[in-house]
Amino acid sequence: MRILVTGGAGFIGSHVADHLLGRGHEVAVVDNLSTGKRENVPEGVRFHEADVRSGLGEVFGEFRPEAVAHLAAQMDVRRSVREPAFDADVNVLGTIRLLESCVEHEVRKVVFASTGGAVYGEQREFPAKEDHPQYPVSPYGVSKLAGERYLHYYETQHALSYVVLRYANVYGPRQDPHGEAGVVAIFCGKLLEGGTPTVFGDGLQTRDYVYVGDVVRANLLAAEAKAGEAINIGTGVGTSVLELVESLAAQSESSFEAEMAPERAGEVRHIHLDASRAMAELGWEPEMGLHDGLERTLASLR
């Protein structure tokens, strides 16, 4: 199958492209390299430096993809709060223009990277199932939910099949330790530099940390499975930020104690996702435990 991966030079997208290629698919990658890195794109993959907001008409015309894995996004919750118009431009208008190109070039299927934390807002049930009320508290969550709704529209009106994967907090090799998003990578970078991790708020807020290799498997299964609905991709286990610091400290011989700072706007308190639908629809479940995943992430950064 010919599969186009948007955001394919980024953290998750490059792993997806790598594994799709390994499964025998013909793969092309689009990335504007604003946060992605050219060296992340695997050998044997066609690379196009372009912005998803353009609609990517030339790329579609040249590559003629049969499916699209749409991972290109403005993914920083804090930036979405500071610049909601920019967030909507990338995540909403960019997605609409991409879907227009999909219709024009007769793409059969889209696998859309959404967020299992931000679309639900403050969780009322733990772990959250896909039918949990969706009241995002950040522009990022609003824009991702809008992307899901537009996919439903394009399926209804244009028969464009899709699967939405609502990721928990993804971590692992290739995540930028110097970026604003990805607390595991940031803390790992601080640990290796001999620095101090900054914890915002009281540190008792919890996240569902899912390893990138498990997320990649979910993408592969979604690309090859029948069309479905929104599917959570997480572990169902909540780990507090302070517990994360303690887990990393246990893998270091030096001191690693948190520095506390005021909480930040737009972030939810707790995220735990129920992934039972992923098992039922895709045959997927997480395989990597947090301890081993942190060990691999640290090793990759070393």
C-alpha atoms as a PDB file:
ATOM      1  CA  MET A   1       0.000   0.000   0.000  1.00  0.00           C
ATOM      2  CA  ARG A   2       1.207   3.563  -0.706  1.00  0.00           C
ATOM      3  CA  ILE A   3       1.001   5.475   2.584  1.00  0.00           C
ATOM      4  CA  LEU A   4       1.745   9.160   3.153  1.00  0.00           C
ATOM      5  CA  VAL A   5       2.864  10.089   6.685  1.00  0.00           C
ATOM      6  CA  THR A   6       2.428  13.749   7.605  1.00  0.00           C
ATOM      7  CA  GLY A   7       4.747  14.901  10.369  1.00  0.00           C
ATOM      8  CA  GLY A   8       6.940  11.948   9.452  1.00  0.00           C
ATOM      9  CA  ALA A   9      10.199  13.597  10.493  1.00  0.00           C
ATOM     10  CA  GLY A  10       8.890  14.075  14.017  1.00  0.00           C
ATOM     11  CA  PHE A  11       9.028  11.906  17.103  1.00  0.00           C
ATOM     12  CA  ILE A  12       6.075   9.571  16.542  1.00  0.00           C
ATOM     13  CA  GLY A  13       5.737  10.044  12.788  1.00  0.00           C
ATOM     14  CA  SER A  14       9.281   8.932  12.016  1.00  0.00           C
ATOM     15  CA  HIS A  15       8.781   5.708  13.986  1.00  0.00           C
ATOM     16  CA  VAL A  16       5.516   5.101  12.114  1.00  0.00           C
ATOM     17  CA  ALA A  17       7.223   5.655   8.743  1.00  0.00           C
ATOM     18  CA  ASP A  18      10.078   3.364   9.732  1.00  0.00           C
ATOM     19  CA  HIS A  19       7.787   0.497  10.693  1.00  0.00           C
ATOM     20  CA  LEU A  20       5.432   0.921   7.736  1.00  0.00           C
ATOM     21  CA  LEU A  21       8.443   0.602   5.460  1.00  0.00           C
ATOM     22  CA  GLY A  22       9.495  -2.528   7.336  1.00  0.00           C
ATOM     23  CA  ARG A  23       6.051  -4.020   6.728  1.00  0.00           C
ATOM     24  CA  GLY A  24       6.572  -3.677   2.974  1.00  0.00           C
ATOM     25  CA  HIS A  25       4.505  -0.542   2.366  1.00  0.00           C
ATOM     26  CA  GLU A  26       5.622   2.210  -0.019  1.00  0.00           C
ATOM     27  CA  VAL A  27       6.041   5.274   2.195  1.00  0.00           C
ATOM     28  CA  ALA A  28       6.381   9.013   1.651  1.00  0.00           C
ATOM     29  CA  VAL A  29       6.901  11.576   4.415  1.00  0.00           C
ATOM     30  CA  VAL A  30       5.821  15.210   4.584  1.00  0.00           C
ATOM     31  CA  ASP A  31       7.221  17.517   7.253  1.00  0.00           C
ATOM     32  CA  ASN A  32       7.939  21.253   7.422  1.00  0.00           C
ATOM     33  CA  LEU A  33      10.852  20.551   9.837  1.00  0.00           C
ATOM     34  CA  SER A  34       9.631  23.165  12.332  1.00  0.00           C
ATOM     35  CA  THR A  35      10.112  20.557  15.065  1.00  0.00           C
ATOM     36  CA  GLY A  36      10.884  17.411  13.068  1.00  0.00           C
ATOM     37  CA  LYS A  37      14.405  16.438  12.029  1.00  0.00           C
ATOM     38  CA  ARG A  38      15.462  15.363   8.553  1.00  0.00           C
ATOM     39  CA  GLU A  39      17.751  12.691  10.020  1.00  0.00           C
ATOM     40  CA  ASN A  40      14.730  10.992  11.609  1.00  0.00           C
ATOM     41  CA  VAL A  41      13.350  10.037   8.190  1.00  0.00           C
ATOM     42  CA  PRO A  42      14.377   6.446   7.432  1.00  0.00           C
ATOM     43  CA  GLU A  43      16.284   5.441   4.315  1.00  0.00           C
ATOM     44  CA  GLY A  44      14.008   4.248   1.534  1.00  0.00           C
ATOM     45  CA  VAL A  45      11.268   6.774   2.318  1.00  0.00           C
ATOM     46  CA  ARG A  46      10.475   9.652  -0.034  1.00  0.00           C
ATOM     47  CA  PHE A  47      10.757  12.963   1.801  1.00  0.00           C
ATOM     48  CA  HIS A  48       8.910  16.191   0.981  1.00  0.00           C
ATOM     49  CA  GLU A  49       9.590  19.356   2.958  1.00  0.00           C
ATOM     50  CA  ALA A  50       6.184  20.995   2.964  1.00  0.00           C
ATOM     51  CA  ASP A  51       3.552  22.415   5.330  1.00  0.00           C
ATOM     52  CA  VAL A  52       0.276  20.546   5.754  1.00  0.00           C
ATOM     53  CA  ARG A  53      -1.561  23.879   5.641  1.00  0.00           C
ATOM     54  CA  SER A  54      -0.791  24.056   1.913  1.00  0.00           C
ATOM     55  CA  GLY A  55      -3.033  21.062   1.248  1.00  0.00           C
ATOM     56  CA  LEU A  56      -0.052  19.160  -0.217  1.00  0.00           C
ATOM     57  CA  GLY A  57      -1.621  18.971  -3.673  1.00  0.00           C
ATOM     58  CA  GLU A  58       1.707  18.460  -5.461  1.00  0.00           C
ATOM     59  CA  VAL A  59       2.721  15.690  -3.067  1.00  0.00           C
ATOM     60  CA  PHE A  60      -0.591  13.898  -3.550  1.00  0.00           C
ATOM     61  CA  GLY A  61      -0.363  14.282  -7.309  1.00  0.00           C
ATOM     62  CA  GLU A  62       3.140  12.820  -7.439  1.00  0.00           C
ATOM     63  CA  PHE A  63       2.860  10.031  -4.833  1.00  0.00           C
ATOM     64  CA  ARG A  64      -0.825   9.099  -5.252  1.00  0.00           C
ATOM     65  CA  PRO A  65      -1.244   7.712  -1.712  1.00  0.00           C
ATOM     66  CA  GLU A  66      -3.849   5.098  -0.981  1.00  0.00           C
ATOM     67  CA  ALA A  67      -3.823   5.933   2.744  1.00  0.00           C
ATOM     68  CA  VAL A  68      -2.631   8.806   4.933  1.00  0.00           C
ATOM     69  CA  ALA A  69      -1.309   8.696   8.492  1.00  0.00           C
ATOM     70  CA  HIS A  70      -1.921  12.257   9.660  1.00  0.00           C
ATOM     71  CA  LEU A  71       0.450  13.084  12.509  1.00  0.00           C
ATOM     72  CA  ALA A  72       1.492  16.624  11.546  1.00  0.00           C
ATOM     73  CA  ALA A  73       0.202  19.002  14.218  1.00  0.00           C
ATOM     74  CA  GLN A  74       0.730  21.891  16.542  1.00  0.00           C
ATOM     75  CA  MET A  75       1.073  19.637  19.585  1.00  0.00           C
ATOM     76  CA  ASP A  76       2.030  21.971  22.441  1.00  0.00           C
ATOM     77  CA  VAL A  77      -0.796  22.655  24.895  1.00  0.00           C
ATOM     78  CA  ARG A  78       0.966  25.728  26.307  1.00  0.00           C
ATOM     79  CA  ARG A  79       1.499  27.238  22.870  1.00  0.00           C
ATOM     80  CA  SER A  80      -2.146  26.609  22.016  1.00  0.00           C
ATOM     81  CA  VAL A  81      -3.114  28.674  25.060  1.00  0.00           C
ATOM     82  CA  ARG A  82      -0.731  31.470  24.049  1.00  0.00           C
ATOM     83  CA  GLU A  83      -1.576  31.316  20.330  1.00  0.00           C
ATOM     84  CA  PRO A  84      -5.007  29.747  19.806  1.00  0.00           C
ATOM     85  CA  ALA A  85      -5.319  31.132  16.262  1.00  0.00           C
ATOM     86  CA  PHE A  86      -2.033  29.512  15.223  1.00  0.00           C
ATOM     87  CA  ASP A  87      -3.101  26.229  16.808  1.00  0.00           C
ATOM     88  CA  ALA A  88      -6.380  26.291  14.867  1.00  0.00           C
ATOM     89  CA  ASP A  89      -4.603  27.238  11.630  1.00  0.00           C
ATOM     90  CA  VAL A  90      -2.399  24.144  11.800  1.00  0.00           C
ATOM     91  CA  ASN A  91      -4.685  21.613  13.451  1.00  0.00           C
ATOM     92  CA  VAL A  92      -8.071  22.583  12.021  1.00  0.00           C
ATOM     93  CA  LEU A  93      -7.491  24.362   8.701  1.00  0.00           C
ATOM     94  CA  GLY A  94      -4.452  22.218   7.944  1.00  0.00           C
ATOM     95  CA  THR A  95      -6.501  19.078   8.504  1.00  0.00           C
ATOM     96  CA  ILE A  96      -9.381  20.346   6.354  1.00  0.00           C
ATOM     97  CA  ARG A  97      -7.045  21.138   3.456  1.00  0.00           C
ATOM     98  CA  LEU A  98      -5.422  17.730   3.810  1.00  0.00           C
ATOM     99  CA  LEU A  99      -8.820  16.009   3.725  1.00  0.00           C
ATOM    100  CA  GLU A 100      -9.775  17.991   0.633  1.00  0.00           C
ATOM    101  CA  SER A 101      -6.661  16.624  -1.074  1.00  0.00           C
ATOM    102  CA  CYS A 102      -7.564  13.129   0.111  1.00  0.00           C
ATOM    103  CA  VAL A 103     -10.976  13.411  -1.549  1.00  0.00           C
ATOM    104  CA  GLU A 104      -9.568  14.924  -4.741  1.00  0.00           C
ATOM    105  CA  HIS A 105      -6.951  12.178  -5.092  1.00  0.00           C
ATOM    106  CA  GLU A 106      -9.226   9.312  -4.029  1.00  0.00           C
ATOM    107  CA  VAL A 107      -7.402   8.310  -0.848  1.00  0.00           C
ATOM    108  CA  ARG A 108      -9.124   5.332   0.707  1.00  0.00           C
ATOM    109  CA  LYS A 109      -8.305   5.816   4.366  1.00  0.00           C
ATOM    110  CA  VAL A 110      -6.954   8.272   6.948  1.00  0.00           C
ATOM    111  CA  VAL A 111      -5.435   7.340  10.320  1.00  0.00           C
ATOM    112  CA  PHE A 112      -5.661  10.471  12.460  1.00  0.00           C
ATOM    113  CA  ALA A 113      -3.499  11.152  15.518  1.00  0.00           C
ATOM    114  CA  SER A 114      -5.720  12.718  18.166  1.00  0.00           C
ATOM    115  CA  THR A 115      -5.284  13.150  21.919  1.00  0.00           C
ATOM    116  CA  GLY A 116      -6.849  11.037  24.625  1.00  0.00           C
ATOM    117  CA  GLY A 117      -5.998  13.515  27.339  1.00  0.00           C
ATOM    118  CA  ALA A 118      -6.925  16.887  25.927  1.00  0.00           C
ATOM    119  CA  VAL A 119     -10.204  15.987  24.148  1.00  0.00           C
ATOM    120  CA  TYR A 120     -11.870  14.739  27.347  1.00  0.00           C
ATOM    121  CA  GLY A 121     -10.903  17.715  29.491  1.00  0.00           C
ATOM    122  CA  GLU A 122     -11.114  17.053  33.228  1.00  0.00           C
ATOM    123  CA  GLN A 123     -11.950  13.372  33.480  1.00  0.00           C
ATOM    124  CA  ARG A 124     -15.032  12.356  35.404  1.00  0.00           C
ATOM    125  CA  GLU A 125     -14.440   8.604  35.083  1.00  0.00           C
ATOM    126  CA  PHE A 126     -11.214   6.621  35.405  1.00  0.00           C
ATOM    127  CA  PRO A 127     -10.005   5.222  33.158  1.00  0.00           C
ATOM    128  CA  ALA A 128     -11.869   7.166  30.467  1.00  0.00           C
ATOM    129  CA  LYS A 129     -13.635   5.287  27.685  1.00  0.00           C
ATOM    130  CA  GLU A 130     -14.150   6.797  24.240  1.00  0.00           C
ATOM    131  CA  ASP A 131     -17.727   7.841  25.056  1.00  0.00           C
ATOM    132  CA  HIS A 132     -16.533   9.939  28.012  1.00  0.00           C
ATOM    133  CA  PRO A 133     -17.919  13.522  27.796  1.00  0.00           C
ATOM    134  CA  GLN A 134     -15.621  15.690  25.674  1.00  0.00           C
ATOM    135  CA  TYR A 135     -15.085  19.175  27.096  1.00  0.00           C
ATOM    136  CA  PRO A 136     -11.510  20.242  26.247  1.00  0.00           C
ATOM    137  CA  VAL A 137      -9.932  22.904  28.451  1.00  0.00           C
ATOM    138  CA  SER A 138      -7.218  23.925  25.960  1.00  0.00           C
ATOM    139  CA  PRO A 139      -7.317  25.153  22.357  1.00  0.00           C
ATOM    140  CA  TYR A 140      -5.173  22.129  21.456  1.00  0.00           C
ATOM    141  CA  GLY A 141      -7.868  19.768  22.716  1.00  0.00           C
ATOM    142  CA  VAL A 142     -10.562  21.768  20.920  1.00  0.00           C
ATOM    143  CA  SER A 143      -8.646  21.675  17.625  1.00  0.00           C
ATOM    144  CA  LYS A 144      -8.020  17.934  17.800  1.00  0.00           C
ATOM    145  CA  LEU A 145     -11.680  17.278  18.571  1.00  0.00           C
ATOM    146  CA  ALA A 146     -12.593  19.479  15.605  1.00  0.00           C
ATOM    147  CA  GLY A 147     -10.320  17.330  13.425  1.00  0.00           C
ATOM    148  CA  GLU A 148     -12.229  14.239  14.543  1.00  0.00           C
ATOM    149  CA  ARG A 149     -15.563  15.856  13.686  1.00  0.00           C
ATOM    150  CA  TYR A 150     -14.341  16.901  10.239  1.00  0.00           C
ATOM    151  CA  LEU A 151     -13.253  13.329   9.573  1.00  0.00           C
ATOM    152  CA  HIS A 152     -16.779  12.185  10.355  1.00  0.00           C
ATOM    153  CA  TYR A 153     -18.123  14.796   7.933  1.00  0.00           C
ATOM    154  CA  TYR A 154     -15.777  13.686   5.153  1.00  0.00           C
ATOM    155  CA  GLU A 155     -16.709  10.052   5.716  1.00  0.00           C
ATOM    156  CA  THR A 156     -20.414  10.892   5.581  1.00  0.00           C
ATOM    157  CA  GLN A 157     -20.228  13.147   2.535  1.00  0.00           C
ATOM    158  CA  HIS A 158     -17.291  11.675   0.593  1.00  0.00           C
ATOM    159  CA  ALA A 159     -16.987   8.058   1.822  1.00  0.00           C
ATOM    160  CA  LEU A 160     -13.468   8.747   3.141  1.00  0.00           C
ATOM    161  CA  SER A 161     -12.756   5.987   5.659  1.00  0.00           C
ATOM    162  CA  TYR A 162     -10.876   6.855   8.818  1.00  0.00           C
ATOM    163  CA  VAL A 163      -9.662   5.691  12.212  1.00  0.00           C
ATOM    164  CA  VAL A 164      -8.991   8.141  15.056  1.00  0.00           C
ATOM    165  CA  LEU A 165      -6.303   7.137  17.560  1.00  0.00           C
ATOM    166  CA  ARG A 166      -6.541   9.091  20.809  1.00  0.00           C
ATOM    167  CA  TYR A 167      -3.058   8.876  22.266  1.00  0.00           C
ATOM    168  CA  ALA A 168      -2.224   9.035  25.944  1.00  0.00           C
ATOM    169  CA  ASN A 169       1.155  10.661  26.833  1.00  0.00           C
ATOM    170  CA  VAL A 170       3.581   9.152  24.346  1.00  0.00           C
ATOM    171  CA  TYR A 171       7.269   8.873  25.222  1.00  0.00           C
ATOM    172  CA  GLY A 172      10.375   7.115  23.941  1.00  0.00           C
ATOM    173  CA  PRO A 173      13.449   7.474  21.705  1.00  0.00           C
ATOM    174  CA  ARG A 174      13.605  10.491  19.324  1.00  0.00           C
ATOM    175  CA  GLN A 175      11.457  12.681  21.543  1.00  0.00           C
ATOM    176  CA  ASP A 176      13.113  16.087  21.920  1.00  0.00           C
ATOM    177  CA  PRO A 177      14.475  16.605  25.459  1.00  0.00           C
ATOM    178  CA  HIS A 178      14.776  20.341  24.768  1.00  0.00           C
ATOM    179  CA  GLY A 179      11.230  20.895  23.517  1.00  0.00           C
ATOM    180  CA  GLU A 180       8.203  22.222  25.399  1.00  0.00           C
ATOM    181  CA  ALA A 181       6.152  19.042  25.008  1.00  0.00           C
ATOM    182  CA  GLY A 182       7.022  15.582  26.332  1.00  0.00           C
ATOM    183  CA  VAL A 183       7.753  15.603  30.049  1.00  0.00           C
ATOM    184  CA  VAL A 184       9.530  12.214  29.970  1.00  0.00           C
ATOM    185  CA  ALA A 185      12.071  13.385  27.389  1.00  0.00           C
ATOM    186  CA  ILE A 186      12.537  16.709  29.186  1.00  0.00           C
ATOM    187  CA  PHE A 187      13.138  15.000  32.534  1.00  0.00           C
ATOM    188  CA  CYS A 188      15.472  12.439  30.947  1.00  0.00           C
ATOM    189  CA  GLY A 189      17.474  15.258  29.406  1.00  0.00           C
ATOM    190  CA  LYS A 190      17.707  17.025  32.763  1.00  0.00           C
ATOM    191  CA  LEU A 191      18.814  13.800  34.436  1.00  0.00           C
ATOM    192  CA  LEU A 192      21.612  13.171  31.947  1.00  0.00           C
ATOM    193  CA  GLU A 193      22.756  16.808  32.117  1.00  0.00           C
ATOM    194  CA  GLY A 194      22.858  16.744  35.912  1.00  0.00           C
ATOM    195  CA  GLY A 195      20.059  19.320  35.994  1.00  0.00           C
ATOM    196  CA  THR A 196      16.904  19.747  38.064  1.00  0.00           C
ATOM    197  CA  PRO A 197      13.431  18.789  36.800  1.00  0.00           C
ATOM    198  CA  THR A 198      10.750  21.479  37.085  1.00  0.00           C
ATOM    199  CA  VAL A 199       7.385  20.245  38.321  1.00  0.00           C
ATOM    200  CA  PHE A 200       4.433  22.565  37.750  1.00  0.00           C
ATOM    201  CA  GLY A 201       1.714  22.625  40.395  1.00  0.00           C
ATOM    202  CA  ASP A 202       1.827  20.124  43.262  1.00  0.00           C
ATOM    203  CA  GLY A 203       3.191  17.252  41.133  1.00  0.00           C
ATOM    204  CA  LEU A 204       0.248  14.999  42.011  1.00  0.00           C
ATOM    205  CA  GLN A 205      -1.356  15.388  38.590  1.00  0.00           C
ATOM    206  CA  THR A 206      -1.293  12.047  36.785  1.00  0.00           C
ATOM    207  CA  ARG A 207      -0.657  10.991  33.191  1.00  0.00           C
ATOM    208  CA  ASP A 208      -1.013   7.743  31.267  1.00  0.00           C
ATOM    209  CA  TYR A 209       2.460   7.144  29.771  1.00  0.00           C
ATOM    210  CA  VAL A 210       2.478   4.914  26.694  1.00  0.00           C
ATOM    211  CA  TYR A 211       5.667   3.862  24.907  1.00  0.00           C
ATOM    212  CA  VAL A 212       6.164   4.994  21.312  1.00  0.00           C
ATOM    213  CA  GLY A 213       6.714   1.431  20.071  1.00  0.00           C
ATOM    214  CA  ASP A 214       3.264   0.488  21.333  1.00  0.00           C
ATOM    215  CA  VAL A 215       1.762   3.557  19.631  1.00  0.00           C
ATOM    216  CA  VAL A 216       3.455   2.601  16.358  1.00  0.00           C
ATOM    217  CA  ARG A 217       1.887  -0.871  16.523  1.00  0.00           C
ATOM    218  CA  ALA A 218      -1.508   0.768  16.943  1.00  0.00           C
ATOM    219  CA  ASN A 219      -0.916   2.853  13.809  1.00  0.00           C
ATOM    220  CA  LEU A 220       0.107  -0.181  11.787  1.00  0.00           C
ATOM    221  CA  LEU A 221      -2.946  -2.118  12.900  1.00  0.00           C
ATOM    222  CA  ALA A 222      -5.226   0.858  12.188  1.00  0.00           C
ATOM    223  CA  ALA A 223      -3.772   1.317   8.698  1.00  0.00           C
ATOM    224  CA  GLU A 224      -4.423  -2.304   7.840  1.00  0.00           C
ATOM    225  CA  ALA A 225      -7.748  -2.782   9.672  1.00  0.00           C
ATOM    226  CA  LYS A 226     -11.285  -1.955   8.643  1.00  0.00           C
ATOM    227  CA  ALA A 227     -12.489   1.584   9.220  1.00  0.00           C
ATOM    228  CA  GLY A 228     -13.532   2.294  12.773  1.00  0.00           C
ATOM    229  CA  GLU A 229     -14.281   5.032  15.236  1.00  0.00           C
ATOM    230  CA  ALA A 230     -12.195   6.830  17.853  1.00  0.00           C
ATOM    231  CA  ILE A 231      -9.912   4.454  19.737  1.00  0.00           C
ATOM    232  CA  ASN A 232      -7.945   5.184  22.925  1.00  0.00           C
ATOM    233  CA  ILE A 233      -4.268   4.209  22.900  1.00  0.00           C
ATOM    234  CA  GLY A 234      -3.019   4.114  26.470  1.00  0.00           C
ATOM    235  CA  THR A 235      -2.205   1.850  29.389  1.00  0.00           C
ATOM    236  CA  GLY A 236      -5.018   2.692  31.790  1.00  0.00           C
ATOM    237  CA  VAL A 237      -2.415   3.394  34.490  1.00  0.00           C
ATOM    238  CA  GLY A 238      -2.000   6.870  35.954  1.00  0.00           C
ATOM    239  CA  THR A 239       1.458   7.949  37.139  1.00  0.00           C
ATOM    240  CA  SER A 240       1.952  11.220  38.987  1.00  0.00           C
ATOM    241  CA  VAL A 241       4.656  13.639  37.896  1.00  0.00           C
ATOM    242  CA  LEU A 242       6.409  13.186  41.250  1.00  0.00           C
ATOM    243  CA  GLU A 243       6.313   9.396  40.791  1.00  0.00           C
ATOM    244  CA  LEU A 244       7.877   9.889  37.358  1.00  0.00           C
ATOM    245  CA  VAL A 245      10.714  11.883  38.946  1.00  0.00           C
ATOM    246  CA  GLU A 246      11.216   9.119  41.514  1.00  0.00           C
ATOM    247  CA  SER A 247      11.282   6.434  38.804  1.00  0.00           C
ATOM    248  CA  LEU A 248      13.981   8.306  36.898  1.00  0.00           C
ATOM    249  CA  ALA A 249      15.962   9.025  40.061  1.00  0.00           C
ATOM    250  CA  ALA A 250      16.058   5.279  40.741  1.00  0.00           C
ATOM    251  CA  GLN A 251      17.898   4.828  37.422  1.00  0.00           C
ATOM    252  CA  SER A 252      20.593   7.353  38.307  1.00  0.00           C
ATOM    253  CA  GLU A 253      23.415   7.390  40.800  1.00  0.00           C
ATOM    254  CA  SER A 254      23.179  11.166  41.242  1.00  0.00           C
ATOM    255  CA  SER A 255      20.574  13.260  43.047  1.00  0.00           C
ATOM    256  CA  PHE A 256      17.459  14.089  41.052  1.00  0.00           C
ATOM    257  CA  GLU A 257      14.980  16.142  43.037  1.00  0.00           C
ATOM    258  CA  ALA A 258      12.174  18.272  41.652  1.00  0.00           C
ATOM    259  CA  GLU A 259      11.963  22.042  41.729  1.00  0.00           C
ATOM    260  CA  MET A 260       8.355  23.163  42.152  1.00  0.00           C
ATOM    261  CA  ALA A 261       6.760  25.926  40.055  1.00  0.00           C
ATOM    262  CA  PRO A 262       3.229  27.375  39.654  1.00  0.00           C
ATOM    263  CA  GLU A 263       0.759  25.276  37.653  1.00  0.00           C
ATOM    264  CA  ARG A 264       0.178  26.122  33.992  1.00  0.00           C
ATOM    265  CA  ALA A 265      -3.049  27.026  32.198  1.00  0.00           C
ATOM    266  CA  GLY A 266      -4.787  24.575  29.910  1.00  0.00           C
ATOM    267  CA  GLU A 267      -3.543  21.366  31.505  1.00  0.00           C
ATOM    268  CA  VAL A 268      -5.933  18.782  32.916  1.00  0.00           C
ATOM    269  CA  ARG A 269      -5.429  17.211  36.315  1.00  0.00           C
ATOM    270  CA  HIS A 270      -5.637  13.487  35.569  1.00  0.00           C
ATOM    271  CA  ILE A 271      -5.449  11.338  32.435  1.00  0.00           C
ATOM    272  CA  HIS A 272      -6.020   7.563  32.418  1.00  0.00           C
ATOM    273  CA  LEU A 273      -7.391   5.935  29.253  1.00  0.00           C
ATOM    274  CA  ASP A 274      -9.403   2.744  28.887  1.00  0.00           C
ATOM    275  CA  ALA A 275      -7.957   0.896  25.860  1.00  0.00           C
ATOM    276  CA  SER A 276     -10.401  -2.028  25.798  1.00  0.00           C
ATOM    277  CA  ARG A 277     -11.806  -0.867  22.442  1.00  0.00           C
ATOM    278  CA  ALA A 278      -8.274  -1.013  20.982  1.00  0.00           C
ATOM    279  CA  MET A 279      -8.119  -4.677  21.938  1.00  0.00           C
ATOM    280  CA  ALA A 280     -11.584  -5.387  20.529  1.00  0.00           C
ATOM    281  CA  GLU A 281     -11.166  -3.444  17.257  1.00  0.00           C
ATOM    282  CA  LEU A 282      -7.434  -3.730  16.554  1.00  0.00           C
ATOM    283  CA  GLY A 283      -6.189  -6.587  18.708  1.00  0.00           C
ATOM    284  CA  TRP A 284      -3.893  -4.039  20.403  1.00  0.00           C
ATOM    285  CA  GLU A 285      -2.695  -3.734  23.967  1.00  0.00           C
ATOM    286  CA  PRO A 286       0.362  -2.030  25.483  1.00  0.00           C
ATOM    287  CA  GLU A 287       3.416  -4.245  25.885  1.00  0.00           C
ATOM    288  CA  MET A 288       6.072  -1.920  27.343  1.00  0.00           C
ATOM    289  CA  GLY A 289       6.052  -1.192  31.088  1.00  0.00           C
ATOM    290  CA  LEU A 290       7.066   2.251  32.315  1.00  0.00           C
ATOM    291  CA  HIS A 291      10.300   1.130  34.004  1.00  0.00           C
ATOM    292  CA  ASP A 292      11.632  -0.584  30.893  1.00  0.00           C
ATOM    293  CA  GLY A 293      10.381   2.206  28.651  1.00  0.00           C
ATOM    294  CA  LEU A 294      12.197   4.836  30.708  1.00  0.00           C
ATOM    295  CA  GLU A 295      15.340   2.717  30.608  1.00  0.00           C
ATOM    296  CA  ARG A 296      15.204   2.547  26.794  1.00  0.00           C
ATOM    297  CA  THR A 297      14.487   6.258  26.510  1.00  0.00           C
ATOM    298  CA  LEU A 298      17.462   7.139  28.707  1.00  0.00           C
ATOM    299  CA  ALA A 299      19.701   4.771  26.735  1.00  0.00           C
ATOM    300  CA  SER A 300      18.709   6.424  23.459  1.00  0.00           C
ATOM    301  CA  LEU A 301      19.508   9.892  24.806  1.00  0.00           C
ATOM    302  CA  ARG A 302      22.873   8.748  26.148  1.00  0.00           C
END
